[in-house]
Amino acid sequence: MNRLSEMESFVAVVETGGFTDAARRLRISKSAISKQISALEDRLGARLLDRTTRNVAATEIGMSYYQEAVKVLQIASNADAMVASMQTSPQGRLRLTAPMDFGQTTIAPLCAKFINAYPDVSIDLVFENRIVDLLAEKFDLAIRIGPLPDSGLMARKLTDFEMCLVASPSYLDQKGPPKSVKDIEGLDLLHFSNNQTGTVWNINDGDEMVAVRALKSPFTVNDGTSLMRAAVDGLGVAYLPRFMLSDQLSDGVLVQLFPDAPLETRPIHAVYQPGPFIQPKLRNVVDFLVAEFKTLKV
């Protein structure tokens, strides 16, 4: 027997003064009420009700149990109401993870905008340049850059971003500008250690993708901002998202290599656990991000 059902039947009998009225309140049969009360008394090893042919009343132990049972049923009712409320309006804490650079430049400001629109939602934003396990690490949502591996996760595409080969003017004056994409293999390549293709850079060279190996890497790091600064300092060539480079390119501290060649684009997705009951806080933040990226250029 379900303990809450037994409690509910017992409370109904005490409050209505009989099995018939209790059955009517709970919309179950009188015999079902009787079975639940008997099972409850057997489980507790105590008589909770005095029964006569005319009325039913709680014993002393039964009245003490009734008072506690009412509290338990109220807590259960509050829990049900909380879930129902969270399924109808965005509220509660949402754990979100995003790559460091994109998270700082783009996702964090959008989180602030979302919180202003939905003040009952709080966001715990964690920057990670690795692919996190949403379930094991208790994240509601992840922003993923690049092609998605096969998984059971739901994904909504947010946008595409462009990749650029860049170096400082001083470095290019020293080494000479490369004549082709393949020529950059002979230069100092500043390597992003979390690159999904390892030490191979797949770079758009007109009509085809060219695989360039980072054979000579004076600096390797898992942070795009540090990689960009190393390029500004003249350490070598970096392959970075354009959204990180607008100021550096406009100021002339970095130069784009092969500016007339088509740029490689990579997708950005929001991914989350599938399920029949997607909480409003998650559904709304994903819809919000999709809408925002329609007007953002990255």
Protein backbone atom coordinates (compact mmCIF):
# COMPACT_ATOMS: atom_id res chain seq x y z
CA MET A 1 0.00 0.00 0.00
CA ASN A 2 1.10 3.54 -0.64
CA ARG A 3 1.80 5.30 2.65
CA LEU A 4 0.46 8.64 1.44
CA SER A 5 -2.76 6.98 0.27
CA GLU A 6 -3.17 5.35 3.66
CA MET A 7 -2.57 8.68 5.40
CA GLU A 8 -4.99 10.45 3.09
CA SER A 9 -7.73 7.88 3.79
CA PHE A 10 -7.13 8.05 7.54
CA VAL A 11 -7.25 11.87 7.59
CA ALA A 12 -10.43 11.84 5.53
CA VAL A 13 -12.12 9.40 7.95
CA VAL A 14 -11.14 11.50 10.98
CA GLU A 15 -12.26 14.76 9.38
CA THR A 16 -15.56 13.46 7.96
CA GLY A 17 -16.38 11.20 10.89
CA GLY A 18 -17.02 8.06 8.87
CA PHE A 19 -15.97 5.72 6.07
CA THR A 20 -18.87 6.61 3.77
CA ASP A 21 -18.19 10.34 3.74
CA ALA A 22 -14.44 9.75 3.49
CA ALA A 23 -14.97 7.53 0.45
CA ARG A 24 -17.18 10.21 -1.10
CA ARG A 25 -14.52 12.90 -0.51
CA LEU A 26 -11.72 10.80 -2.05
CA ARG A 27 -13.95 9.35 -4.78
CA ILE A 28 -13.07 5.75 -4.01
CA SER A 29 -15.13 2.90 -2.62
CA LYS A 30 -15.94 2.48 1.06
CA SER A 31 -14.29 -0.97 0.99
CA ALA A 32 -11.06 0.57 -0.37
CA ILE A 33 -11.03 3.06 2.51
CA SER A 34 -11.56 0.24 4.99
CA LYS A 35 -8.71 -1.82 3.50
CA GLN A 36 -6.32 1.12 3.63
CA ILE A 37 -7.13 1.90 7.26
CA SER A 38 -6.69 -1.76 8.22
CA ALA A 39 -3.38 -1.93 6.38
CA LEU A 40 -2.23 1.25 8.11
CA GLU A 41 -3.10 -0.06 11.57
CA ASP A 42 -1.43 -3.41 10.81
CA ARG A 43 1.73 -1.70 9.62
CA LEU A 44 1.90 0.58 12.65
CA GLY A 45 0.80 -2.10 15.10
CA ALA A 46 -1.66 0.28 16.74
CA ARG A 47 -5.42 0.92 16.79
CA LEU A 48 -6.01 4.38 15.34
CA LEU A 49 -9.81 4.41 15.22
CA ASP A 50 -12.59 3.43 17.60
CA ARG A 51 -15.43 2.03 15.53
CA THR A 52 -19.05 1.63 16.66
CA THR A 53 -22.17 0.98 14.66
CA ARG A 54 -23.00 4.69 14.77
CA ASN A 55 -19.72 6.57 14.48
CA VAL A 56 -15.95 6.45 14.06
CA ALA A 57 -13.50 8.46 16.20
CA ALA A 58 -9.76 8.63 16.50
CA THR A 59 -8.08 7.02 19.48
CA GLU A 60 -5.54 8.99 21.48
CA ILE A 61 -2.72 7.50 19.39
CA GLY A 62 -4.83 8.00 16.30
CA MET A 63 -5.28 11.73 17.02
CA SER A 64 -1.52 12.18 17.47
CA TYR A 65 -0.95 10.34 14.20
CA TYR A 66 -3.62 12.47 12.51
CA GLN A 67 -1.88 15.70 13.50
CA GLU A 68 1.42 14.54 11.99
CA ALA A 69 -0.25 13.02 8.93
CA VAL A 70 -1.91 16.36 8.12
CA LYS A 71 1.54 17.99 8.09
CA VAL A 72 2.98 15.29 5.82
CA LEU A 73 0.09 15.54 3.37
CA GLN A 74 0.47 19.33 3.28
CA ILE A 75 4.17 19.00 2.48
CA ALA A 76 3.36 16.52 -0.29
CA SER A 77 0.71 18.87 -1.65
CA ASN A 78 3.17 21.77 -1.59
CA ALA A 79 5.73 19.68 -3.46
CA ASP A 80 3.17 18.82 -6.15
CA ALA A 81 2.16 22.47 -6.43
CA MET A 82 5.80 23.54 -6.74
CA VAL A 83 6.38 21.15 -9.65
CA ALA A 84 3.16 22.27 -11.33
CA SER A 85 4.18 25.90 -10.94
CA MET A 86 7.68 25.27 -12.32
CA GLN A 87 6.12 23.58 -15.33
CA THR A 88 3.97 26.60 -16.14
CA SER A 89 6.26 29.60 -15.57
CA PRO A 90 10.05 30.06 -15.78
CA GLN A 91 11.59 29.96 -12.32
CA GLY A 92 14.41 28.40 -10.34
CA ARG A 93 18.14 27.96 -10.90
CA LEU A 94 19.48 27.00 -14.32
CA ARG A 95 23.02 25.60 -14.70
CA LEU A 96 24.58 26.53 -18.02
CA THR A 97 28.04 25.80 -19.40
CA ALA A 98 29.78 27.48 -22.33
CA PRO A 99 33.29 27.69 -23.80
CA MET A 100 35.42 30.32 -22.10
CA ASP A 101 35.89 32.91 -24.85
CA PHE A 102 32.47 32.71 -26.44
CA GLY A 103 30.89 32.50 -23.00
CA GLN A 104 32.58 35.67 -21.78
CA THR A 105 32.04 37.76 -24.92
CA THR A 106 28.54 36.66 -25.89
CA ILE A 107 26.74 34.23 -23.56
CA ALA A 108 27.29 36.10 -20.28
CA PRO A 109 25.72 39.36 -21.59
CA LEU A 110 22.78 37.37 -22.98
CA CYS A 111 22.31 35.69 -19.58
CA ALA A 112 22.04 39.11 -17.96
CA LYS A 113 19.45 40.14 -20.53
CA PHE A 114 17.48 36.93 -19.93
CA ILE A 115 17.48 37.39 -16.13
CA ASN A 116 16.15 40.93 -16.57
CA ALA A 117 13.31 39.51 -18.65
CA TYR A 118 12.68 36.54 -16.29
CA PRO A 119 13.59 37.68 -12.74
CA ASP A 120 12.37 34.43 -11.15
CA VAL A 121 15.17 32.54 -12.92
CA SER A 122 18.76 32.57 -11.67
CA ILE A 123 21.63 31.31 -13.84
CA ASP A 124 24.78 29.50 -12.74
CA LEU A 125 27.12 30.00 -15.72
CA VAL A 126 30.27 27.85 -15.81
CA PHE A 127 32.98 28.33 -18.43
CA GLU A 128 34.52 25.06 -19.65
CA ASN A 129 36.57 24.44 -22.79
CA ARG A 130 35.86 20.72 -22.56
CA ILE A 131 32.72 18.77 -23.39
CA VAL A 132 30.94 18.30 -20.07
CA ASP A 133 28.63 15.43 -19.17
CA LEU A 134 25.32 17.21 -18.63
CA LEU A 135 23.74 14.44 -16.57
CA ALA A 136 26.73 13.53 -14.40
CA GLU A 137 27.72 17.15 -13.76
CA LYS A 138 24.14 18.37 -13.30
CA PHE A 139 24.01 20.95 -16.09
CA ASP A 140 20.69 21.93 -17.66
CA LEU A 141 22.18 23.36 -20.84
CA ALA A 142 25.49 23.50 -22.72
CA ILE A 143 26.66 25.75 -25.54
CA ARG A 144 28.71 23.65 -27.97
CA ILE A 145 30.94 25.01 -30.74
CA GLY A 146 31.72 22.97 -33.85
CA PRO A 147 30.18 19.78 -35.27
CA LEU A 148 28.22 17.80 -32.69
CA PRO A 149 29.18 14.19 -31.95
CA ASP A 150 26.43 11.59 -32.01
CA SER A 151 24.61 11.59 -28.69
CA GLY A 152 21.15 11.30 -27.23
CA LEU A 153 21.01 15.04 -26.50
CA MET A 154 18.54 17.52 -27.95
CA ALA A 155 20.18 20.31 -29.96
CA ARG A 156 19.02 23.71 -31.21
CA LYS A 157 21.30 25.54 -33.63
CA LEU A 158 22.01 29.11 -32.57
CA THR A 159 24.24 30.43 -35.36
CA ASP A 160 27.43 29.91 -37.37
CA PHE A 161 30.69 31.75 -36.83
CA GLU A 162 33.68 32.40 -39.09
CA MET A 163 37.28 31.33 -38.54
CA CYS A 164 40.27 33.53 -39.44
CA LEU A 165 43.99 32.93 -39.86
CA VAL A 166 45.81 35.86 -38.24
CA ALA A 167 49.29 37.02 -37.35
CA SER A 168 50.90 40.25 -36.23
CA PRO A 169 52.44 42.61 -38.83
CA SER A 170 55.82 42.27 -37.11
CA TYR A 171 55.75 38.47 -37.40
CA LEU A 172 54.82 38.62 -41.08
CA ASP A 173 57.59 41.17 -41.73
CA GLN A 174 60.07 38.77 -40.11
CA LYS A 175 58.89 35.49 -41.71
CA GLY A 176 57.26 36.74 -44.87
CA PRO A 177 53.58 36.21 -45.67
CA PRO A 178 52.64 32.67 -46.79
CA LYS A 179 51.65 32.30 -50.43
CA SER A 180 49.21 29.42 -49.83
CA VAL A 181 47.39 27.86 -46.91
CA LYS A 182 49.68 24.83 -47.02
CA ASP A 183 52.70 27.14 -46.67
CA ILE A 184 51.74 28.04 -43.09
CA GLU A 185 52.96 24.58 -41.98
CA GLY A 186 56.45 26.07 -42.12
CA LEU A 187 55.53 28.89 -39.76
CA ASP A 188 55.07 29.02 -35.98
CA LEU A 189 51.52 27.87 -35.38
CA LEU A 190 49.89 28.87 -32.10
CA HIS A 191 47.86 25.85 -31.12
CA PHE A 192 44.53 25.55 -29.29
CA SER A 193 44.95 22.37 -27.24
CA ASN A 194 41.21 21.56 -27.19
CA ASN A 195 41.01 21.49 -30.99
CA GLN A 196 38.67 18.60 -31.87
CA THR A 197 40.97 17.52 -34.72
CA GLY A 198 44.09 17.49 -32.57
CA THR A 199 47.16 19.12 -34.14
CA VAL A 200 45.50 19.24 -37.58
CA TRP A 201 43.93 22.52 -38.71
CA ASN A 202 41.30 22.02 -41.42
CA ILE A 203 41.36 25.34 -43.27
CA ASN A 204 39.23 26.54 -46.15
CA ASP A 205 41.39 27.20 -49.23
CA GLY A 206 38.97 28.28 -51.89
CA ASP A 207 37.13 25.21 -53.17
CA GLU A 208 38.60 22.69 -50.74
CA MET A 209 39.58 22.13 -47.14
CA VAL A 210 43.30 21.82 -46.58
CA ALA A 211 44.66 19.82 -43.65
CA VAL A 212 47.48 21.79 -42.06
CA ARG A 213 49.56 20.16 -39.34
CA ALA A 214 50.83 22.25 -36.47
CA LEU A 215 54.36 20.86 -36.80
CA LYS A 216 56.02 23.80 -35.09
CA SER A 217 54.05 25.18 -32.13
CA PRO A 218 55.97 27.51 -29.81
CA PHE A 219 52.82 28.07 -27.74
CA THR A 220 49.90 25.75 -26.93
CA VAL A 221 47.02 26.78 -24.68
CA ASN A 222 43.39 25.86 -23.99
CA ASP A 223 42.19 29.48 -23.93
CA GLY A 224 41.42 31.47 -27.07
CA THR A 225 42.09 34.86 -25.49
CA SER A 226 45.61 33.78 -24.51
CA LEU A 227 46.10 32.44 -28.04
CA MET A 228 45.02 35.76 -29.53
CA ARG A 229 47.38 37.70 -27.26
CA ALA A 230 50.26 35.44 -28.24
CA ALA A 231 49.56 36.27 -31.89
CA VAL A 232 49.48 40.00 -31.07
CA ASP A 233 52.86 39.57 -29.33
CA GLY A 234 54.33 38.17 -32.55
CA LEU A 235 54.76 34.53 -31.52
CA GLY A 236 53.19 33.12 -34.67
CA VAL A 237 50.01 32.37 -36.63
CA ALA A 238 46.68 31.69 -34.88
CA TYR A 239 43.43 30.25 -36.23
CA LEU A 240 40.66 31.92 -34.26
CA PRO A 241 36.95 32.82 -34.42
CA ARG A 242 36.29 36.21 -35.98
CA PHE A 243 34.08 37.19 -33.00
CA MET A 244 37.28 37.42 -30.91
CA LEU A 245 39.21 39.55 -33.40
CA SER A 246 37.14 42.57 -34.41
CA ASP A 247 39.11 45.08 -32.31
CA GLN A 248 42.53 43.59 -33.12
CA LEU A 249 41.86 43.54 -36.87
CA SER A 250 40.43 47.06 -36.93
CA ASP A 251 43.35 48.38 -34.83
CA GLY A 252 45.87 46.67 -37.12
CA VAL A 253 47.64 44.72 -34.35
CA LEU A 254 46.63 41.55 -36.22
CA VAL A 255 46.40 40.93 -39.95
CA GLN A 256 44.09 38.40 -41.59
CA LEU A 257 45.87 35.96 -43.89
CA PHE A 258 44.22 35.18 -47.23
CA PRO A 259 41.43 37.76 -46.72
CA ASP A 260 39.93 37.06 -50.17
CA ALA A 261 39.46 33.32 -49.54
CA PRO A 262 36.07 32.08 -48.29
CA LEU A 263 36.10 31.73 -44.52
CA GLU A 264 35.39 28.43 -42.81
CA THR A 265 32.22 28.51 -40.74
CA ARG A 266 31.43 26.40 -37.69
CA PRO A 267 28.07 25.89 -35.98
CA ILE A 268 27.09 26.81 -32.43
CA HIS A 269 24.38 24.75 -30.72
CA ALA A 270 22.51 24.73 -27.44
CA VAL A 271 22.24 21.13 -26.21
CA TYR A 272 20.21 19.66 -23.37
CA GLN A 273 18.78 16.40 -22.07
CA PRO A 274 15.68 15.12 -23.89
CA GLY A 275 12.50 14.30 -22.03
CA PRO A 276 8.73 14.71 -22.04
CA PHE A 277 8.79 17.44 -19.36
CA ILE A 278 11.14 20.25 -20.38
CA GLN A 279 10.97 22.86 -17.62
CA PRO A 280 9.89 26.36 -18.70
CA LYS A 281 13.18 27.89 -17.49
CA LEU A 282 15.07 25.66 -19.93
CA ARG A 283 12.59 25.94 -22.79
CA ASN A 284 12.45 29.72 -22.45
CA VAL A 285 16.21 30.25 -22.28
CA VAL A 286 16.75 28.14 -25.40
CA ASP A 287 14.00 29.99 -27.28
CA PHE A 288 15.50 33.27 -26.04
CA LEU A 289 18.99 32.39 -27.29
CA VAL A 290 17.68 31.27 -30.69
CA ALA A 291 15.81 34.57 -31.08
CA GLU A 292 18.77 36.69 -29.93
CA PHE A 293 21.22 35.06 -32.32
CA LYS A 294 18.99 35.91 -35.26
CA THR A 295 20.05 39.53 -34.74
CA LEU A 296 23.65 38.93 -33.60
CA LYS A 297 26.64 38.57 -35.90
CA VAL A 298 29.44 36.44 -34.51
